[in-house]
Amino acid sequence: MGRLLTVAYDGTRYCGFQFQINGLTVQEVLEDALGAIEKRSLRVKGASRTDSGVHAIGQRVFFISSRDLPDKAYLMGCNALLPPDVAVLGVSRVPEDFNPRLTAGKIYRYTVRSAPVRDPLHVNSQWTVYRRLDVEAMRRAARQLVGTHDFSAFQAADCERENAVRTVLRLEIQQRGEHIDFLVAGTAFLKNMVRIMVGTLVDVGTGRFSPDEVSGILQGRDRTAAGQTAPAAGLCLMNVFYPGDAQCACLREGPWPDWNHETT
């Protein structure tokens, strides 16, 4: 029987989601917890391979269960066994051939704090930029990144994808006092793509680039011409949607999901 988990985690101490030989990952601690419940070794598959230090409140994780336990048993059992920085928020049943990576789209949020002094209580969940940012200029630049483009200039130098064409469905910048949230919805993303987009937009906000230069950077397909890679700490995977999900429309328009009252 296939099961689909909704998982949240603070990625600070993890080397990303996907299993790695050289460090602890979210996949590893999930497999340990589920293995204890199932009384066997098993493998899970995540919808997104979030990088080291990146967080999530809406990661989706698939596995095949061998026991006919109620969903609540996996919810409660996992949360009793997982470390405090990882939690299972929901469990549902799906076909055994379900592929969690065949999504309708994902939403990421990147949080910047524009302030003269860092906030020590939130250094692991935001990027403090010690300058005032021109939010309107960043918004003008962001509009040029929406749509289907070759994002070669916005991928990590070691990205292994041969095809850099991706579709950004929506990109909005919201300001909350000192905090600036970059909300990005897309069908798929390249390695570090959101972080490089945010780093480039922040460079627009500081005046390093003009808003009009972003179009040329995109068309030039040269990573060295784009801005800095924003630190991992500010990035969070908010939602993963599948075809037919009720909230899929928010990937393109309308209100964003209410992340203060997350339901699964």
C-alpha atoms as a PDB file:
ATOM      1  CA  MET A   1       0.000   0.000   0.000  1.00  0.00           C
ATOM      2  CA  GLY A   2       1.355   3.410  -0.922  1.00  0.00           C
ATOM      3  CA  ARG A   3       1.465   6.161   1.685  1.00  0.00           C
ATOM      4  CA  LEU A   4       2.153   9.838   1.147  1.00  0.00           C
ATOM      5  CA  LEU A   5       3.449  11.909   4.033  1.00  0.00           C
ATOM      6  CA  THR A   6       3.464  15.669   4.437  1.00  0.00           C
ATOM      7  CA  VAL A   7       6.682  16.501   6.260  1.00  0.00           C
ATOM      8  CA  ALA A   8       8.078  19.629   7.878  1.00  0.00           C
ATOM      9  CA  TYR A   9      11.659  20.115   8.974  1.00  0.00           C
ATOM     10  CA  ASP A  10      14.258  22.615  10.058  1.00  0.00           C
ATOM     11  CA  GLY A  11      17.042  21.813   7.614  1.00  0.00           C
ATOM     12  CA  THR A  12      19.826  23.525   9.552  1.00  0.00           C
ATOM     13  CA  ARG A  13      21.680  20.414  10.694  1.00  0.00           C
ATOM     14  CA  TYR A  14      20.892  18.247   7.671  1.00  0.00           C
ATOM     15  CA  CYS A  15      22.855  17.754   4.458  1.00  0.00           C
ATOM     16  CA  GLY A  16      19.651  18.126   2.478  1.00  0.00           C
ATOM     17  CA  PHE A  17      16.711  15.775   2.093  1.00  0.00           C
ATOM     18  CA  GLN A  18      18.197  12.998  -0.029  1.00  0.00           C
ATOM     19  CA  PHE A  19      20.435  10.327   1.478  1.00  0.00           C
ATOM     20  CA  GLN A  20      24.170  11.050   1.362  1.00  0.00           C
ATOM     21  CA  ILE A  21      27.138   9.045   2.546  1.00  0.00           C
ATOM     22  CA  ASN A  22      28.926  12.023   4.073  1.00  0.00           C
ATOM     23  CA  GLY A  23      26.264  13.456   6.359  1.00  0.00           C
ATOM     24  CA  LEU A  24      22.902  13.174   8.076  1.00  0.00           C
ATOM     25  CA  THR A  25      19.843  13.770   5.879  1.00  0.00           C
ATOM     26  CA  VAL A  26      16.109  14.087   6.404  1.00  0.00           C
ATOM     27  CA  GLN A  27      15.556  10.945   4.338  1.00  0.00           C
ATOM     28  CA  GLU A  28      17.752   8.975   6.722  1.00  0.00           C
ATOM     29  CA  VAL A  29      15.875   9.946   9.894  1.00  0.00           C
ATOM     30  CA  LEU A  30      12.506   9.336   8.205  1.00  0.00           C
ATOM     31  CA  GLU A  31      13.587   5.879   7.073  1.00  0.00           C
ATOM     32  CA  ASP A  32      14.811   5.062  10.571  1.00  0.00           C
ATOM     33  CA  ALA A  33      11.459   6.053  12.108  1.00  0.00           C
ATOM     34  CA  LEU A  34       9.344   4.280   9.488  1.00  0.00           C
ATOM     35  CA  GLY A  35      11.600   1.228   9.643  1.00  0.00           C
ATOM     36  CA  ALA A  36      10.971   0.956  13.370  1.00  0.00           C
ATOM     37  CA  ILE A  37       7.205   1.072  12.775  1.00  0.00           C
ATOM     38  CA  GLU A  38       7.309  -1.363   9.850  1.00  0.00           C
ATOM     39  CA  LYS A  39       9.911  -3.593  11.548  1.00  0.00           C
ATOM     40  CA  ARG A  40      11.976  -3.690   8.345  1.00  0.00           C
ATOM     41  CA  SER A  41      14.312  -1.595   6.247  1.00  0.00           C
ATOM     42  CA  LEU A  42      12.617   0.597   3.640  1.00  0.00           C
ATOM     43  CA  ARG A  43      13.230   3.469   1.262  1.00  0.00           C
ATOM     44  CA  VAL A  44      11.289   6.694   0.929  1.00  0.00           C
ATOM     45  CA  LYS A  45      11.159   9.094  -2.001  1.00  0.00           C
ATOM     46  CA  GLY A  46      10.720  12.837  -1.616  1.00  0.00           C
ATOM     47  CA  ALA A  47       9.019  15.240  -3.988  1.00  0.00           C
ATOM     48  CA  SER A  48      11.908  17.685  -3.684  1.00  0.00           C
ATOM     49  CA  ARG A  49      15.590  17.102  -2.986  1.00  0.00           C
ATOM     50  CA  THR A  50      16.031  20.176  -0.830  1.00  0.00           C
ATOM     51  CA  ASP A  51      19.666  21.207  -0.371  1.00  0.00           C
ATOM     52  CA  SER A  52      21.712  21.365   2.806  1.00  0.00           C
ATOM     53  CA  GLY A  53      20.282  23.910   5.239  1.00  0.00           C
ATOM     54  CA  VAL A  54      16.978  24.377   3.370  1.00  0.00           C
ATOM     55  CA  HIS A  55      13.740  23.982   5.325  1.00  0.00           C
ATOM     56  CA  ALA A  56      10.264  22.654   4.509  1.00  0.00           C
ATOM     57  CA  ILE A  57       6.750  22.767   5.857  1.00  0.00           C
ATOM     58  CA  GLY A  58       5.181  21.025   2.862  1.00  0.00           C
ATOM     59  CA  GLN A  59       7.597  18.345   1.653  1.00  0.00           C
ATOM     60  CA  ARG A  60       5.826  15.238   0.357  1.00  0.00           C
ATOM     61  CA  VAL A  61       7.365  11.829   0.944  1.00  0.00           C
ATOM     62  CA  PHE A  62       6.229   8.501  -0.516  1.00  0.00           C
ATOM     63  CA  PHE A  63       6.823   4.974   0.712  1.00  0.00           C
ATOM     64  CA  ILE A  64       5.201   1.558   0.371  1.00  0.00           C
ATOM     65  CA  SER A  65       3.871   0.190   3.640  1.00  0.00           C
ATOM     66  CA  SER A  66       3.759  -3.518   4.357  1.00  0.00           C
ATOM     67  CA  ARG A  67       1.453  -3.224   7.370  1.00  0.00           C
ATOM     68  CA  ASP A  68      -2.250  -2.411   7.259  1.00  0.00           C
ATOM     69  CA  LEU A  69      -2.025   0.201   9.978  1.00  0.00           C
ATOM     70  CA  PRO A  70      -4.293   3.251  10.118  1.00  0.00           C
ATOM     71  CA  ASP A  71      -2.812   6.501   8.857  1.00  0.00           C
ATOM     72  CA  LYS A  72      -2.866   7.861  12.405  1.00  0.00           C
ATOM     73  CA  ALA A  73      -0.490   5.092  13.514  1.00  0.00           C
ATOM     74  CA  TYR A  74       2.147   6.368  11.100  1.00  0.00           C
ATOM     75  CA  LEU A  75       1.469   9.976  12.062  1.00  0.00           C
ATOM     76  CA  MET A  76       1.783   9.379  15.789  1.00  0.00           C
ATOM     77  CA  GLY A  77       4.475   6.736  15.511  1.00  0.00           C
ATOM     78  CA  CYS A  78       6.768   8.805  13.308  1.00  0.00           C
ATOM     79  CA  ASN A  79       6.428  11.878  15.478  1.00  0.00           C
ATOM     80  CA  ALA A  80       7.290   9.842  18.576  1.00  0.00           C
ATOM     81  CA  LEU A  81      10.456   8.517  16.925  1.00  0.00           C
ATOM     82  CA  LEU A  82      11.673  11.461  14.837  1.00  0.00           C
ATOM     83  CA  PRO A  83      14.080  14.101  16.175  1.00  0.00           C
ATOM     84  CA  PRO A  84      12.494  17.400  17.287  1.00  0.00           C
ATOM     85  CA  ASP A  85      13.455  19.225  14.068  1.00  0.00           C
ATOM     86  CA  VAL A  86      11.425  16.886  11.818  1.00  0.00           C
ATOM     87  CA  ALA A  87       7.667  16.264  11.974  1.00  0.00           C
ATOM     88  CA  VAL A  88       5.056  14.392   9.962  1.00  0.00           C
ATOM     89  CA  LEU A  89       2.022  16.661   9.496  1.00  0.00           C
ATOM     90  CA  GLY A  90      -0.213  14.330   7.530  1.00  0.00           C
ATOM     91  CA  VAL A  91      -0.566  10.862   6.032  1.00  0.00           C
ATOM     92  CA  SER A  92      -2.698   9.724   3.104  1.00  0.00           C
ATOM     93  CA  ARG A  93      -3.018   6.572   0.998  1.00  0.00           C
ATOM     94  CA  VAL A  94      -1.969   6.526  -2.660  1.00  0.00           C
ATOM     95  CA  PRO A  95      -1.394   3.822  -5.291  1.00  0.00           C
ATOM     96  CA  GLU A  96       1.809   1.810  -5.010  1.00  0.00           C
ATOM     97  CA  ASP A  97       3.000   3.140  -8.376  1.00  0.00           C
ATOM     98  CA  PHE A  98       2.608   6.760  -7.231  1.00  0.00           C
ATOM     99  CA  ASN A  99       5.544   8.983  -8.174  1.00  0.00           C
ATOM    100  CA  PRO A 100       5.911  11.910  -5.743  1.00  0.00           C
ATOM    101  CA  ARG A 101       8.065  13.859  -8.200  1.00  0.00           C
ATOM    102  CA  LEU A 102       5.375  14.086 -10.884  1.00  0.00           C
ATOM    103  CA  THR A 103       3.916  17.237  -9.403  1.00  0.00           C
ATOM    104  CA  ALA A 104       1.648  19.985 -10.684  1.00  0.00           C
ATOM    105  CA  GLY A 105       3.948  22.514  -9.063  1.00  0.00           C
ATOM    106  CA  LYS A 106       5.757  23.664  -5.937  1.00  0.00           C
ATOM    107  CA  ILE A 107       5.873  26.837  -3.902  1.00  0.00           C
ATOM    108  CA  TYR A 108       9.027  28.089  -2.213  1.00  0.00           C
ATOM    109  CA  ARG A 109       9.333  31.046   0.119  1.00  0.00           C
ATOM    110  CA  TYR A 110      12.595  32.881   0.666  1.00  0.00           C
ATOM    111  CA  THR A 111      12.765  35.300   3.604  1.00  0.00           C
ATOM    112  CA  VAL A 112      15.101  38.278   3.688  1.00  0.00           C
ATOM    113  CA  ARG A 113      15.400  40.660   6.626  1.00  0.00           C
ATOM    114  CA  SER A 114      16.599  44.129   5.709  1.00  0.00           C
ATOM    115  CA  ALA A 115      18.048  45.510   8.936  1.00  0.00           C
ATOM    116  CA  PRO A 116      21.261  46.953  10.387  1.00  0.00           C
ATOM    117  CA  VAL A 117      21.611  44.148  12.965  1.00  0.00           C
ATOM    118  CA  ARG A 118      20.913  40.420  12.685  1.00  0.00           C
ATOM    119  CA  ASP A 119      18.165  38.747  14.717  1.00  0.00           C
ATOM    120  CA  PRO A 120      19.993  35.986  16.627  1.00  0.00           C
ATOM    121  CA  LEU A 121      16.791  34.042  17.246  1.00  0.00           C
ATOM    122  CA  HIS A 122      16.124  33.628  13.519  1.00  0.00           C
ATOM    123  CA  VAL A 123      19.548  33.374  11.906  1.00  0.00           C
ATOM    124  CA  ASN A 124      18.715  29.876  10.640  1.00  0.00           C
ATOM    125  CA  SER A 125      15.480  30.874   8.904  1.00  0.00           C
ATOM    126  CA  GLN A 126      16.249  34.143   7.125  1.00  0.00           C
ATOM    127  CA  TRP A 127      18.972  36.073   5.352  1.00  0.00           C
ATOM    128  CA  THR A 128      19.836  39.392   6.954  1.00  0.00           C
ATOM    129  CA  VAL A 129      20.870  42.015   4.408  1.00  0.00           C
ATOM    130  CA  TYR A 130      22.460  44.984   6.158  1.00  0.00           C
ATOM    131  CA  ARG A 131      21.165  47.532   3.684  1.00  0.00           C
ATOM    132  CA  ARG A 132      17.875  49.108   2.731  1.00  0.00           C
ATOM    133  CA  LEU A 133      16.385  47.372  -0.327  1.00  0.00           C
ATOM    134  CA  ASP A 134      14.352  48.971  -3.098  1.00  0.00           C
ATOM    135  CA  VAL A 135      11.372  46.619  -3.078  1.00  0.00           C
ATOM    136  CA  GLU A 136       9.639  48.215  -6.066  1.00  0.00           C
ATOM    137  CA  ALA A 137      12.771  47.807  -8.186  1.00  0.00           C
ATOM    138  CA  MET A 138      12.969  44.143  -7.169  1.00  0.00           C
ATOM    139  CA  ARG A 139       9.330  43.656  -8.122  1.00  0.00           C
ATOM    140  CA  ARG A 140       9.923  45.141 -11.575  1.00  0.00           C
ATOM    141  CA  ALA A 141      12.883  42.840 -12.071  1.00  0.00           C
ATOM    142  CA  ALA A 142      10.992  39.793 -10.768  1.00  0.00           C
ATOM    143  CA  ARG A 143       8.341  40.135 -13.472  1.00  0.00           C
ATOM    144  CA  GLN A 144      10.987  39.351 -16.087  1.00  0.00           C
ATOM    145  CA  LEU A 145      11.643  35.944 -14.529  1.00  0.00           C
ATOM    146  CA  VAL A 146       8.044  34.739 -14.785  1.00  0.00           C
ATOM    147  CA  GLY A 147       7.300  32.384 -17.657  1.00  0.00           C
ATOM    148  CA  THR A 148       9.138  29.628 -19.506  1.00  0.00           C
ATOM    149  CA  HIS A 149      12.806  30.448 -20.004  1.00  0.00           C
ATOM    150  CA  ASP A 150      16.246  28.930 -20.192  1.00  0.00           C
ATOM    151  CA  PHE A 151      17.461  29.511 -16.620  1.00  0.00           C
ATOM    152  CA  SER A 152      21.105  28.560 -17.245  1.00  0.00           C
ATOM    153  CA  ALA A 153      22.201  31.826 -15.616  1.00  0.00           C
ATOM    154  CA  PHE A 154      20.274  30.858 -12.493  1.00  0.00           C
ATOM    155  CA  GLN A 155      21.538  27.351 -11.871  1.00  0.00           C
ATOM    156  CA  ALA A 156      24.450  26.117  -9.769  1.00  0.00           C
ATOM    157  CA  ALA A 157      27.713  25.586 -11.625  1.00  0.00           C
ATOM    158  CA  ASP A 158      27.591  21.888 -10.733  1.00  0.00           C
ATOM    159  CA  CYS A 159      23.946  21.381 -11.737  1.00  0.00           C
ATOM    160  CA  GLU A 160      23.722  18.128 -13.671  1.00  0.00           C
ATOM    161  CA  ARG A 161      20.534  18.881 -15.606  1.00  0.00           C
ATOM    162  CA  GLU A 162      21.096  18.971 -19.357  1.00  0.00           C
ATOM    163  CA  ASN A 163      17.988  21.029 -20.043  1.00  0.00           C
ATOM    164  CA  ALA A 164      17.805  24.329 -18.170  1.00  0.00           C
ATOM    165  CA  VAL A 165      14.373  25.336 -19.497  1.00  0.00           C
ATOM    166  CA  ARG A 166      11.963  25.778 -16.585  1.00  0.00           C
ATOM    167  CA  THR A 167       8.643  27.506 -15.999  1.00  0.00           C
ATOM    168  CA  VAL A 168       8.161  30.003 -13.196  1.00  0.00           C
ATOM    169  CA  LEU A 169       4.407  30.286 -12.826  1.00  0.00           C
ATOM    170  CA  ARG A 170       4.381  33.074 -10.299  1.00  0.00           C
ATOM    171  CA  LEU A 171       6.882  35.251  -8.438  1.00  0.00           C
ATOM    172  CA  GLU A 172       5.728  37.810  -5.900  1.00  0.00           C
ATOM    173  CA  ILE A 173       7.550  39.910  -3.337  1.00  0.00           C
ATOM    174  CA  GLN A 174       5.753  40.757  -0.103  1.00  0.00           C
ATOM    175  CA  GLN A 175       7.070  43.148   2.521  1.00  0.00           C
ATOM    176  CA  ARG A 176       6.295  42.833   6.241  1.00  0.00           C
ATOM    177  CA  GLY A 177       8.193  45.616   7.969  1.00  0.00           C
ATOM    178  CA  GLU A 178      11.856  44.586   7.911  1.00  0.00           C
ATOM    179  CA  HIS A 179      10.981  41.211   6.376  1.00  0.00           C
ATOM    180  CA  ILE A 180      10.715  40.653   2.638  1.00  0.00           C
ATOM    181  CA  ASP A 181       9.268  37.361   1.383  1.00  0.00           C
ATOM    182  CA  PHE A 182       9.971  36.108  -2.131  1.00  0.00           C
ATOM    183  CA  LEU A 183       7.184  33.669  -3.078  1.00  0.00           C
ATOM    184  CA  VAL A 184       8.034  31.507  -6.086  1.00  0.00           C
ATOM    185  CA  ALA A 185       5.737  28.978  -7.737  1.00  0.00           C
ATOM    186  CA  GLY A 186       6.920  26.739 -10.561  1.00  0.00           C
ATOM    187  CA  THR A 187       6.609  23.343 -12.116  1.00  0.00           C
ATOM    188  CA  ALA A 188      10.234  22.360 -11.470  1.00  0.00           C
ATOM    189  CA  PHE A 189      13.463  24.028 -10.408  1.00  0.00           C
ATOM    190  CA  LEU A 190      17.173  23.706 -11.129  1.00  0.00           C
ATOM    191  CA  LYS A 191      19.774  23.320  -8.402  1.00  0.00           C
ATOM    192  CA  ASN A 192      20.008  26.600  -6.429  1.00  0.00           C
ATOM    193  CA  MET A 193      17.662  28.256  -8.921  1.00  0.00           C
ATOM    194  CA  VAL A 194      15.448  29.995  -6.370  1.00  0.00           C
ATOM    195  CA  ARG A 195      18.432  31.075  -4.278  1.00  0.00           C
ATOM    196  CA  ILE A 196      20.215  32.589  -7.295  1.00  0.00           C
ATOM    197  CA  MET A 197      17.027  34.325  -8.407  1.00  0.00           C
ATOM    198  CA  VAL A 198      16.652  35.843  -4.937  1.00  0.00           C
ATOM    199  CA  GLY A 199      20.339  36.773  -4.765  1.00  0.00           C
ATOM    200  CA  THR A 200      20.043  38.546  -8.120  1.00  0.00           C
ATOM    201  CA  LEU A 201      16.879  40.375  -7.082  1.00  0.00           C
ATOM    202  CA  VAL A 202      18.538  41.495  -3.848  1.00  0.00           C
ATOM    203  CA  ASP A 203      21.388  42.828  -5.992  1.00  0.00           C
ATOM    204  CA  VAL A 204      18.740  44.819  -7.840  1.00  0.00           C
ATOM    205  CA  GLY A 205      17.421  46.028  -4.491  1.00  0.00           C
ATOM    206  CA  THR A 206      20.860  47.304  -3.477  1.00  0.00           C
ATOM    207  CA  GLY A 207      21.441  48.995  -6.831  1.00  0.00           C
ATOM    208  CA  ARG A 208      24.109  46.655  -8.180  1.00  0.00           C
ATOM    209  CA  PHE A 209      21.811  45.804 -11.111  1.00  0.00           C
ATOM    210  CA  SER A 210      18.988  47.818 -12.614  1.00  0.00           C
ATOM    211  CA  PRO A 211      15.645  46.023 -13.036  1.00  0.00           C
ATOM    212  CA  ASP A 212      16.079  46.030 -16.830  1.00  0.00           C
ATOM    213  CA  GLU A 213      19.420  44.231 -16.610  1.00  0.00           C
ATOM    214  CA  VAL A 214      17.765  41.065 -15.310  1.00  0.00           C
ATOM    215  CA  SER A 215      16.253  40.311 -18.714  1.00  0.00           C
ATOM    216  CA  GLY A 216      19.709  40.484 -20.290  1.00  0.00           C
ATOM    217  CA  ILE A 217      21.148  38.207 -17.604  1.00  0.00           C
ATOM    218  CA  LEU A 218      18.399  35.686 -18.280  1.00  0.00           C
ATOM    219  CA  GLN A 219      18.916  35.798 -22.030  1.00  0.00           C
ATOM    220  CA  GLY A 220      22.707  35.637 -21.705  1.00  0.00           C
ATOM    221  CA  ARG A 221      22.560  32.237 -19.949  1.00  0.00           C
ATOM    222  CA  ASP A 222      25.819  32.968 -18.119  1.00  0.00           C
ATOM    223  CA  ARG A 223      25.890  32.086 -14.434  1.00  0.00           C
ATOM    224  CA  THR A 224      28.757  34.477 -13.769  1.00  0.00           C
ATOM    225  CA  ALA A 225      26.645  37.409 -14.974  1.00  0.00           C
ATOM    226  CA  ALA A 226      23.868  36.785 -12.439  1.00  0.00           C
ATOM    227  CA  GLY A 227      23.885  37.740  -8.786  1.00  0.00           C
ATOM    228  CA  GLN A 228      25.002  35.963  -5.676  1.00  0.00           C
ATOM    229  CA  THR A 229      23.524  32.706  -4.405  1.00  0.00           C
ATOM    230  CA  ALA A 230      21.370  33.598  -1.410  1.00  0.00           C
ATOM    231  CA  PRO A 231      22.173  31.548   1.722  1.00  0.00           C
ATOM    232  CA  ALA A 232      20.253  28.316   2.248  1.00  0.00           C
ATOM    233  CA  ALA A 233      18.848  29.396   5.610  1.00  0.00           C
ATOM    234  CA  GLY A 234      16.206  31.702   4.124  1.00  0.00           C
ATOM    235  CA  LEU A 235      14.632  29.106   1.830  1.00  0.00           C
ATOM    236  CA  CYS A 236      11.619  26.969   2.715  1.00  0.00           C
ATOM    237  CA  LEU A 237       9.597  24.514   0.614  1.00  0.00           C
ATOM    238  CA  MET A 238       6.046  25.538   1.407  1.00  0.00           C
ATOM    239  CA  ASN A 239       3.836  23.332  -0.759  1.00  0.00           C
ATOM    240  CA  VAL A 240       3.925  20.506  -3.267  1.00  0.00           C
ATOM    241  CA  PHE A 241       0.795  20.099  -5.372  1.00  0.00           C
ATOM    242  CA  TYR A 242      -0.351  17.173  -7.510  1.00  0.00           C
ATOM    243  CA  PRO A 243      -2.765  17.208 -10.447  1.00  0.00           C
ATOM    244  CA  GLY A 244      -6.284  17.461  -9.116  1.00  0.00           C
ATOM    245  CA  ASP A 245      -5.345  19.041  -5.779  1.00  0.00           C
ATOM    246  CA  ALA A 246      -7.948  21.602  -4.734  1.00  0.00           C
ATOM    247  CA  GLN A 247      -5.416  24.400  -4.202  1.00  0.00           C
ATOM    248  CA  CYS A 248      -3.530  24.006  -7.495  1.00  0.00           C
ATOM    249  CA  ALA A 249      -4.988  27.274  -8.801  1.00  0.00           C
ATOM    250  CA  CYS A 250      -2.827  29.266  -6.373  1.00  0.00           C
ATOM    251  CA  LEU A 251       0.229  28.269  -8.379  1.00  0.00           C
ATOM    252  CA  ARG A 252      -0.864  30.798 -11.007  1.00  0.00           C
ATOM    253  CA  GLU A 253      -3.148  33.349  -9.363  1.00  0.00           C
ATOM    254  CA  GLY A 254      -5.301  34.251  -6.401  1.00  0.00           C
ATOM    255  CA  PRO A 255      -4.513  34.054  -2.695  1.00  0.00           C
ATOM    256  CA  TRP A 256      -1.500  32.085  -1.568  1.00  0.00           C
ATOM    257  CA  PRO A 257      -2.146  29.207   0.853  1.00  0.00           C
ATOM    258  CA  ASP A 258      -2.631  30.130   4.504  1.00  0.00           C
ATOM    259  CA  TRP A 259       0.616  28.842   5.965  1.00  0.00           C
ATOM    260  CA  ASN A 260      -0.398  29.918   9.465  1.00  0.00           C
ATOM    261  CA  HIS A 261      -3.144  27.297   9.431  1.00  0.00           C
ATOM    262  CA  GLU A 262      -1.606  24.470   7.446  1.00  0.00           C
ATOM    263  CA  THR A 263      -3.900  21.503   6.842  1.00  0.00           C
ATOM    264  CA  THR A 264      -3.190  18.179   5.181  1.00  0.00           C
END
